[in-house]
C-alpha atoms as a PDB file:
ATOM      1  CA  UNK A   1       7.851  27.901  36.750  1.00  0.00           C
ATOM      2  CA  UNK A   2       8.576  24.682  34.984  1.00  0.00           C
ATOM      3  CA  UNK A   3      10.607  21.963  36.665  1.00  0.00           C
ATOM      4  CA  UNK A   4      13.777  21.774  33.767  1.00  0.00           C
ATOM      5  CA  UNK A   5      14.743  18.011  34.860  1.00  0.00           C
ATOM      6  CA  UNK A   6      10.647  16.999  34.306  1.00  0.00           C
ATOM      7  CA  UNK A   7      10.915  18.996  30.657  1.00  0.00           C
ATOM      8  CA  UNK A   8      14.469  16.810  29.885  1.00  0.00           C
ATOM      9  CA  UNK A   9      12.684  13.598  31.112  1.00  0.00           C
ATOM     10  CA  UNK A  10       9.703  14.193  29.322  1.00  0.00           C
ATOM     11  CA  UNK A  11      11.843  15.656  26.110  1.00  0.00           C
ATOM     12  CA  UNK A  12      13.949  12.338  26.227  1.00  0.00           C
ATOM     13  CA  UNK A  13      11.512   9.774  26.362  1.00  0.00           C
ATOM     14  CA  UNK A  14       9.243  11.660  23.180  1.00  0.00           C
ATOM     15  CA  UNK A  15      13.082  11.447  21.702  1.00  0.00           C
ATOM     16  CA  UNK A  16      13.459   7.604  22.485  1.00  0.00           C
ATOM     17  CA  UNK A  17       9.346   6.841  21.023  1.00  0.00           C
ATOM     18  CA  UNK A  18      10.371   8.820  17.515  1.00  0.00           C
ATOM     19  CA  UNK A  19      13.394   6.391  17.226  1.00  0.00           C
ATOM     20  CA  UNK A  20      11.241   3.249  18.129  1.00  0.00           C
ATOM     21  CA  UNK A  21       8.487   4.684  16.057  1.00  0.00           C
ATOM     22  CA  UNK A  22      10.255   4.390  12.663  1.00  0.00           C
ATOM     23  CA  UNK A  23      13.809   2.010  13.199  1.00  0.00           C
ATOM     24  CA  UNK A  24      13.415  -0.059  10.121  1.00  0.00           C
ATOM     25  CA  UNK A  25      13.223  -3.962   9.602  1.00  0.00           C
ATOM     26  CA  UNK A  26      12.879  -7.065  12.240  1.00  0.00           C
ATOM     27  CA  UNK A  27      14.752  -5.057  14.692  1.00  0.00           C
ATOM     28  CA  UNK A  28      13.035  -1.926  14.912  1.00  0.00           C
ATOM     29  CA  UNK A  29       9.324  -4.155  14.988  1.00  0.00           C
ATOM     30  CA  UNK A  30      10.513  -6.031  17.621  1.00  0.00           C
ATOM     31  CA  UNK A  31      11.628  -2.853  19.595  1.00  0.00           C
ATOM     32  CA  UNK A  32       8.013  -1.503  19.183  1.00  0.00           C
ATOM     33  CA  UNK A  33       6.639  -4.381  20.306  1.00  0.00           C
ATOM     34  CA  UNK A  34       8.456  -4.909  23.181  1.00  0.00           C
ATOM     35  CA  UNK A  35       8.432  -1.110  24.333  1.00  0.00           C
ATOM     36  CA  UNK A  36       4.312  -0.650  23.638  1.00  0.00           C
ATOM     37  CA  UNK A  37       3.398  -4.394  24.759  1.00  0.00           C
ATOM     38  CA  UNK A  38       3.971  -3.529  28.110  1.00  0.00           C
ATOM     39  CA  UNK A  39       2.333  -0.173  28.311  1.00  0.00           C
ATOM     40  CA  UNK A  40      -1.434  -1.363  27.486  1.00  0.00           C
ATOM     41  CA  UNK A  41      -3.909  -2.211  29.982  1.00  0.00           C
ATOM     42  CA  UNK A  42      -3.455  -5.911  27.938  1.00  0.00           C
ATOM     43  CA  UNK A  43      -1.711  -7.248  25.094  1.00  0.00           C
ATOM     44  CA  UNK A  44      -2.074 -10.591  23.950  1.00  0.00           C
ATOM     45  CA  UNK A  45       0.299 -12.706  21.715  1.00  0.00           C
ATOM     46  CA  UNK A  46       1.720 -11.587  18.771  1.00  0.00           C
ATOM     47  CA  UNK A  47       1.627  -8.122  17.902  1.00  0.00           C
ATOM     48  CA  UNK A  48       2.763  -6.281  14.810  1.00  0.00           C
ATOM     49  CA  UNK A  49       2.999  -2.228  15.117  1.00  0.00           C
ATOM     50  CA  UNK A  50       4.574  -0.981  11.918  1.00  0.00           C
ATOM     51  CA  UNK A  51       6.650   1.943  11.157  1.00  0.00           C
ATOM     52  CA  UNK A  52       4.996   5.319  12.071  1.00  0.00           C
ATOM     53  CA  UNK A  53       2.398   4.400  14.647  1.00  0.00           C
ATOM     54  CA  UNK A  54       0.843   6.719  16.899  1.00  0.00           C
ATOM     55  CA  UNK A  55      -0.268   5.643  20.086  1.00  0.00           C
ATOM     56  CA  UNK A  56      -1.473   7.800  22.906  1.00  0.00           C
ATOM     57  CA  UNK A  57      -3.603   6.527  26.516  1.00  0.00           C
ATOM     58  CA  UNK A  58      -1.941   3.458  26.589  1.00  0.00           C
ATOM     59  CA  UNK A  59      -3.305   2.674  29.730  1.00  0.00           C
ATOM     60  CA  UNK A  60      -6.518   2.886  28.403  1.00  0.00           C
ATOM     61  CA  UNK A  61      -6.289   0.042  25.546  1.00  0.00           C
ATOM     62  CA  UNK A  62      -6.259  -3.674  25.131  1.00  0.00           C
ATOM     63  CA  UNK A  63      -4.953  -5.963  22.703  1.00  0.00           C
ATOM     64  CA  UNK A  64      -6.135  -9.088  21.723  1.00  0.00           C
ATOM     65  CA  UNK A  65      -3.809 -12.515  20.356  1.00  0.00           C
ATOM     66  CA  UNK A  66      -2.605 -12.236  16.461  1.00  0.00           C
ATOM     67  CA  UNK A  67      -3.148  -7.795  16.020  1.00  0.00           C
ATOM     68  CA  UNK A  68      -1.654  -6.142  13.241  1.00  0.00           C
ATOM     69  CA  UNK A  69      -1.627  -1.906  13.036  1.00  0.00           C
ATOM     70  CA  UNK A  70       0.287  -1.579   9.782  1.00  0.00           C
ATOM     71  CA  UNK A  71       2.144   1.950   9.085  1.00  0.00           C
ATOM     72  CA  UNK A  72       1.473   5.583   9.873  1.00  0.00           C
ATOM     73  CA  UNK A  73      -1.478   4.447  12.122  1.00  0.00           C
ATOM     74  CA  UNK A  74      -3.391   6.005  15.042  1.00  0.00           C
ATOM     75  CA  UNK A  75      -4.555   4.473  18.422  1.00  0.00           C
ATOM     76  CA  UNK A  76      -6.168   7.386  20.692  1.00  0.00           C
ATOM     77  CA  UNK A  77      -7.716   6.745  24.474  1.00  0.00           C
ATOM     78  CA  UNK A  78      -5.775   9.623  26.277  1.00  0.00           C
ATOM     79  CA  UNK A  79      -8.705  11.839  28.025  1.00  0.00           C
ATOM     80  CA  UNK A  80     -10.757   8.856  29.387  1.00  0.00           C
ATOM     81  CA  UNK A  81     -11.300   7.455  26.085  1.00  0.00           C
ATOM     82  CA  UNK A  82     -10.981   3.331  26.145  1.00  0.00           C
ATOM     83  CA  UNK A  83     -10.641   1.272  23.095  1.00  0.00           C
ATOM     84  CA  UNK A  84     -10.593  -2.770  23.255  1.00  0.00           C
ATOM     85  CA  UNK A  85      -9.579  -4.335  20.145  1.00  0.00           C
ATOM     86  CA  UNK A  86     -10.158  -8.604  19.843  1.00  0.00           C
ATOM     87  CA  UNK A  87      -8.037 -11.134  18.095  1.00  0.00           C
ATOM     88  CA  UNK A  88      -7.541 -11.712  15.201  1.00  0.00           C
ATOM     89  CA  UNK A  89      -7.489  -8.096  13.619  1.00  0.00           C
ATOM     90  CA  UNK A  90      -5.597  -6.165  10.632  1.00  0.00           C
ATOM     91  CA  UNK A  91      -5.606  -2.682  10.302  1.00  0.00           C
ATOM     92  CA  UNK A  92      -4.170  -1.173   7.110  1.00  0.00           C
ATOM     93  CA  UNK A  93      -2.278   1.771   6.489  1.00  0.00           C
ATOM     94  CA  UNK A  94      -3.458   5.185   8.005  1.00  0.00           C
ATOM     95  CA  UNK A  95      -6.349   3.877   9.816  1.00  0.00           C
ATOM     96  CA  UNK A  96      -7.393   6.435  13.003  1.00  0.00           C
ATOM     97  CA  UNK A  97      -9.163   4.707  15.706  1.00  0.00           C
ATOM     98  CA  UNK A  98      -9.757   7.622  17.978  1.00  0.00           C
ATOM     99  CA  UNK A  99     -11.755   7.284  21.596  1.00  0.00           C
ATOM    100  CA  UNK A 100      -9.918   9.729  23.261  1.00  0.00           C
ATOM    101  CA  UNK A 101     -12.487  12.537  25.251  1.00  0.00           C
ATOM    102  CA  UNK A 102     -14.592  10.173  26.794  1.00  0.00           C
ATOM    103  CA  UNK A 103     -15.723   7.256  23.653  1.00  0.00           C
ATOM    104  CA  UNK A 104     -15.731   3.606  23.769  1.00  0.00           C
ATOM    105  CA  UNK A 105     -14.041   1.757  20.961  1.00  0.00           C
ATOM    106  CA  UNK A 106     -15.259  -1.939  21.265  1.00  0.00           C
ATOM    107  CA  UNK A 107     -13.846  -4.447  18.382  1.00  0.00           C
ATOM    108  CA  UNK A 108     -14.668  -7.969  17.579  1.00  0.00           C
ATOM    109  CA  UNK A 109     -12.822 -10.787  16.761  1.00  0.00           C
ATOM    110  CA  UNK A 110     -11.360 -11.365  13.006  1.00  0.00           C
ATOM    111  CA  UNK A 111     -11.686  -7.662  12.149  1.00  0.00           C
ATOM    112  CA  UNK A 112     -10.114  -6.408   8.479  1.00  0.00           C
ATOM    113  CA  UNK A 113      -9.583  -2.330   7.787  1.00  0.00           C
ATOM    114  CA  UNK A 114      -8.800  -1.063   4.930  1.00  0.00           C
ATOM    115  CA  UNK A 115      -6.302   2.087   4.567  1.00  0.00           C
ATOM    116  CA  UNK A 116      -7.475   5.224   5.623  1.00  0.00           C
ATOM    117  CA  UNK A 117     -10.335   4.244   7.634  1.00  0.00           C
ATOM    118  CA  UNK A 118     -11.571   7.014  10.691  1.00  0.00           C
ATOM    119  CA  UNK A 119     -13.399   4.922  13.231  1.00  0.00           C
ATOM    120  CA  UNK A 120     -14.199   8.404  15.710  1.00  0.00           C
ATOM    121  CA  UNK A 121     -16.138   7.605  18.838  1.00  0.00           C
ATOM    122  CA  UNK A 122     -16.759  11.504  20.326  1.00  0.00           C
ATOM    123  CA  UNK A 123     -17.487  14.311  18.599  1.00  0.00           C
ATOM    124  CA  UNK A 124     -17.156  18.378  19.671  1.00  0.00           C
ATOM    125  CA  UNK A 125     -20.143  19.702  21.046  1.00  0.00           C
ATOM    126  CA  UNK A 126     -21.941  22.448  19.001  1.00  0.00           C
ATOM    127  CA  UNK A 127     -25.227  23.199  20.564  1.00  0.00           C
ATOM    128  CA  UNK A 128     -24.427  26.828  21.657  1.00  0.00           C
ATOM    129  CA  UNK A 129     -23.711  29.472  18.762  1.00  0.00           C
ATOM    130  CA  UNK A 130     -22.387  32.595  20.598  1.00  0.00           C
ATOM    131  CA  UNK A 131     -18.165  30.675  21.076  1.00  0.00           C
ATOM    132  CA  UNK A 132     -16.535  28.693  19.148  1.00  0.00           C
ATOM    133  CA  UNK A 133     -16.956  25.361  18.457  1.00  0.00           C
ATOM    134  CA  UNK A 134     -13.200  24.545  19.797  1.00  0.00           C
ATOM    135  CA  UNK A 135     -14.337  26.242  24.005  1.00  0.00           C
ATOM    136  CA  UNK A 136     -17.496  24.114  24.070  1.00  0.00           C
ATOM    137  CA  UNK A 137     -15.403  20.599  24.463  1.00  0.00           C
ATOM    138  CA  UNK A 138     -16.515  17.829  23.469  1.00  0.00           C
ATOM    139  CA  UNK A 139     -19.085  14.527  23.887  1.00  0.00           C
ATOM    140  CA  UNK A 140     -18.501  11.029  23.931  1.00  0.00           C
ATOM    141  CA  UNK A 141     -19.656   8.160  22.641  1.00  0.00           C
ATOM    142  CA  UNK A 142     -19.859   4.338  21.470  1.00  0.00           C
ATOM    143  CA  UNK A 143     -18.745   2.449  18.385  1.00  0.00           C
ATOM    144  CA  UNK A 144     -18.907  -1.171  18.551  1.00  0.00           C
ATOM    145  CA  UNK A 145     -17.679  -3.506  15.901  1.00  0.00           C
ATOM    146  CA  UNK A 146     -18.516  -6.775  16.229  1.00  0.00           C
ATOM    147  CA  UNK A 147     -17.006 -10.394  14.885  1.00  0.00           C
ATOM    148  CA  UNK A 148     -16.082 -10.587  11.406  1.00  0.00           C
ATOM    149  CA  UNK A 149     -16.382  -7.029  10.201  1.00  0.00           C
ATOM    150  CA  UNK A 150     -14.877  -5.787   6.440  1.00  0.00           C
ATOM    151  CA  UNK A 151     -14.490  -1.840   6.397  1.00  0.00           C
ATOM    152  CA  UNK A 152     -12.995  -1.122   3.142  1.00  0.00           C
ATOM    153  CA  UNK A 153     -10.791   1.635   2.502  1.00  0.00           C
ATOM    154  CA  UNK A 154     -11.725   5.470   2.918  1.00  0.00           C
ATOM    155  CA  UNK A 155     -14.571   4.533   5.474  1.00  0.00           C
ATOM    156  CA  UNK A 156     -15.821   7.388   8.694  1.00  0.00           C
ATOM    157  CA  UNK A 157     -17.631   5.306  11.485  1.00  0.00           C
ATOM    158  CA  UNK A 158     -19.044   7.873  13.678  1.00  0.00           C
ATOM    159  CA  UNK A 159     -20.111   7.921  17.386  1.00  0.00           C
ATOM    160  CA  UNK A 160     -23.061   5.905  18.321  1.00  0.00           C
ATOM    161  CA  UNK A 161     -22.870   2.954  15.852  1.00  0.00           C
ATOM    162  CA  UNK A 162     -23.174  -0.875  16.128  1.00  0.00           C
ATOM    163  CA  UNK A 163     -21.715  -2.308  13.096  1.00  0.00           C
ATOM    164  CA  UNK A 164     -22.909  -6.176  13.247  1.00  0.00           C
ATOM    165  CA  UNK A 165     -21.314  -9.720  13.142  1.00  0.00           C
ATOM    166  CA  UNK A 166     -20.113 -10.191   9.540  1.00  0.00           C
ATOM    167  CA  UNK A 167     -21.459  -7.088   8.336  1.00  0.00           C
ATOM    168  CA  UNK A 168     -19.026  -5.838   4.867  1.00  0.00           C
ATOM    169  CA  UNK A 169     -19.057  -1.394   5.129  1.00  0.00           C
ATOM    170  CA  UNK A 170     -17.876  -0.698   0.980  1.00  0.00           C
ATOM    171  CA  UNK A 171     -14.950   1.681   0.927  1.00  0.00           C
ATOM    172  CA  UNK A 172     -15.345   4.877   0.625  1.00  0.00           C
ATOM    173  CA  UNK A 173     -19.165   4.771   3.079  1.00  0.00           C
ATOM    174  CA  UNK A 174     -19.965   7.002   5.524  1.00  0.00           C
ATOM    175  CA  UNK A 175     -21.453   5.132   9.074  1.00  0.00           C
ATOM    176  CA  UNK A 176     -23.906   7.193  10.981  1.00  0.00           C
ATOM    177  CA  UNK A 177     -26.713   4.218  11.762  1.00  0.00           C
ATOM    178  CA  UNK A 178     -26.137   1.187  12.871  1.00  0.00           C
ATOM    179  CA  UNK A 179     -25.640  -1.856  10.940  1.00  0.00           C
ATOM    180  CA  UNK A 180     -27.674  -5.022  10.972  1.00  0.00           C
ATOM    181  CA  UNK A 181     -25.564  -8.246  10.927  1.00  0.00           C
ATOM    182  CA  UNK A 182     -24.253 -10.100   7.550  1.00  0.00           C
ATOM    183  CA  UNK A 183     -25.575  -6.581   5.497  1.00  0.00           C
ATOM    184  CA  UNK A 184     -23.450  -4.559   2.733  1.00  0.00           C
ATOM    185  CA  UNK A 185     -23.427  -1.392   3.458  1.00  0.00           C
ATOM    186  CA  UNK A 186     -21.798   1.298   1.172  1.00  0.00           C
ATOM    187  CA  UNK A 187     -22.365   4.959  -0.010  1.00  0.00           C
ATOM    188  CA  UNK A 188     -23.182   8.745   2.258  1.00  0.00           C
ATOM    189  CA  UNK A 189     -24.586   8.257   4.156  1.00  0.00           C
ATOM    190  CA  UNK A 190     -24.699   4.230   4.590  1.00  0.00           C
ATOM    191  CA  UNK A 191     -27.488   2.147   3.791  1.00  0.00           C
ATOM    192  CA  UNK A 192     -27.753  -1.732   2.603  1.00  0.00           C
ATOM    193  CA  UNK A 193     -26.400  -2.061  -0.460  1.00  0.00           C
ATOM    194  CA  UNK A 194     -26.571  -6.437  -0.214  1.00  0.00           C
ATOM    195  CA  UNK A 195     -26.733  -9.374   2.472  1.00  0.00           C
ATOM    196  CA  UNK A 196     -23.474 -11.723   2.854  1.00  0.00           C
ATOM    197  CA  UNK A 197     -24.760 -15.332   2.365  1.00  0.00           C
ATOM    198  CA  UNK A 198     -27.494 -15.116  -1.043  1.00  0.00           C
ATOM    199  CA  UNK A 199     -26.401 -16.149  -3.380  1.00  0.00           C
ATOM    200  CA  UNK A 200     -26.324 -13.068  -6.799  1.00  0.00           C
ATOM    201  CA  UNK A 201     -28.537 -13.669  -9.149  1.00  0.00           C
ATOM    202  CA  UNK A 202     -27.764 -14.450 -12.968  1.00  0.00           C
END
């Protein structure tokens, strides 16, 4: 039998988080930062959390200095997941960073992420055909995004991928393989379409 007092306490916590999540203006920002900052495993200075941001598994999340997480974004590290975000990170609106179910996501310094990006470090297991995929559990994977990476809008990054230092991922790309440092990649699946630092030929 469920404990009614415990259920009530959970509902109160959920209600408080919902109020903080959508409270507008500078006071709302201050409330969100104060509330979430103490819950992370580690959190640096100058954190910005926009309205409607959902976070689960805070004790498995490390945040550096000058991190900006914009409106309606999601950080998931529950069920033995882990997320590390370095310094000077900017994530635009509706970004999903999901390491839940034994995944691990390591994000370096000086990272730019466009809107509607999906970074997912775990996958459904689908080896068996005699039972539904939803009943087969998950396989945890790793994603590493090294320093000075720009990820354009609507990008999908799949498990077990390393995006090298200085790389650029063009809008709409699906990254299923490692990306070399300073490569510019695009397409589905993403392939190299250029290199940073090379002069354009007229």
